[in-house]
Amino acid sequence: MAAPYSVRPKPGATVSMPLYWEEVNKGLKMADFTMVNALDRIQSEGDLFKPVLGKGIDLKKLLAKLVD
C-alpha cells in the first residue's frame, strides 16, 4: 500500500493520489497522476487526505456502544 502523495517506483513516476469516490471508475489509470501533474491537482482540488488526519475517533466509546 502506498502512502498518499508518494511517488511510485514505476515508469512515468506515478503518484499515489487521493481521489473523490466519483473518480474511481473503470477508466482510471495510475498514469493519470504523475510527478508532472500532482501539484496542479493538489492546488485545484486541495488536500483530499487532510480530513483523515483529523482528531480521529474514540475507539473505547465506539466499542462500548457495540457492547450495550
Protein backbone atom coordinates (compact mmCIF):
# COMPACT_ATOMS: atom_id res chain seq x y z
CA MET A 1 0.00 0.00 0.00
CA ALA A 2 1.39 3.39 -0.97
CA ALA A 3 1.17 6.41 1.29
CA PRO A 4 -0.84 9.33 -0.13
CA TYR A 5 1.12 11.58 -2.46
CA SER A 6 4.08 9.20 -2.59
CA VAL A 7 5.85 8.65 -5.89
CA ARG A 8 5.75 5.04 -7.02
CA PRO A 9 8.93 3.42 -8.35
CA LYS A 10 7.27 2.83 -11.72
CA PRO A 11 7.90 4.11 -15.24
CA GLY A 12 6.37 7.57 -15.53
CA ALA A 13 6.80 8.33 -11.80
CA THR A 14 3.13 7.85 -10.95
CA VAL A 15 1.88 9.32 -7.68
CA SER A 16 -0.44 7.75 -5.12
CA MET A 17 -3.26 10.29 -5.28
CA PRO A 18 -6.33 10.54 -3.01
CA LEU A 19 -9.49 10.64 -5.13
CA TYR A 20 -13.14 11.53 -4.87
CA TRP A 21 -15.32 8.41 -4.97
CA GLU A 22 -16.86 9.52 -8.27
CA GLU A 23 -13.39 9.49 -9.83
CA VAL A 24 -12.97 5.78 -9.12
CA ASN A 25 -14.14 4.11 -12.31
CA LYS A 26 -13.05 1.63 -14.99
CA GLY A 27 -11.26 4.34 -16.98
CA LEU A 28 -8.99 5.33 -14.10
CA LYS A 29 -5.29 4.74 -14.73
CA MET A 30 -2.22 5.13 -12.49
CA ALA A 31 -0.65 7.10 -15.34
CA ASP A 32 -3.29 9.83 -14.81
CA PHE A 33 -1.37 11.08 -11.75
CA THR A 34 2.36 11.74 -12.06
CA MET A 35 5.06 13.97 -10.62
CA VAL A 36 4.36 16.31 -13.53
CA ASN A 37 0.71 16.99 -12.66
CA ALA A 38 0.41 16.12 -8.93
CA LEU A 39 0.97 19.66 -7.62
CA ASP A 40 -1.53 21.12 -10.10
CA ARG A 41 -4.18 18.68 -8.88
CA ILE A 42 -3.47 19.43 -5.21
CA GLN A 43 -3.68 23.17 -5.92
CA SER A 44 -7.00 22.79 -7.77
CA GLU A 45 -8.68 20.17 -5.53
CA GLY A 46 -6.99 20.79 -2.20
CA ASP A 47 -5.62 18.09 0.08
CA LEU A 48 -8.25 15.33 -0.09
CA PHE A 49 -6.36 13.34 2.54
CA LYS A 50 -6.43 16.08 5.18
CA PRO A 51 -9.73 15.01 6.84
CA VAL A 52 -8.20 11.61 7.58
CA LEU A 53 -5.63 13.33 9.78
CA GLY A 54 -8.31 14.98 11.92
CA LYS A 55 -8.99 14.23 15.57
CA GLY A 56 -9.97 10.64 14.77
CA ILE A 57 -12.46 8.56 16.72
CA ASP A 58 -12.81 7.45 20.33
CA LEU A 59 -12.39 3.71 19.87
CA LYS A 60 -13.26 2.89 23.50
CA LYS A 61 -16.52 4.83 23.20
CA LEU A 62 -17.36 3.08 19.93
CA LEU A 63 -16.66 -0.36 21.40
CA ALA A 64 -18.80 0.46 24.45
CA LYS A 65 -21.73 1.22 22.14
CA LEU A 66 -21.31 -2.13 20.44
CA VAL A 67 -21.41 -3.97 23.76
CA ASP A 68 -24.53 -2.15 25.02
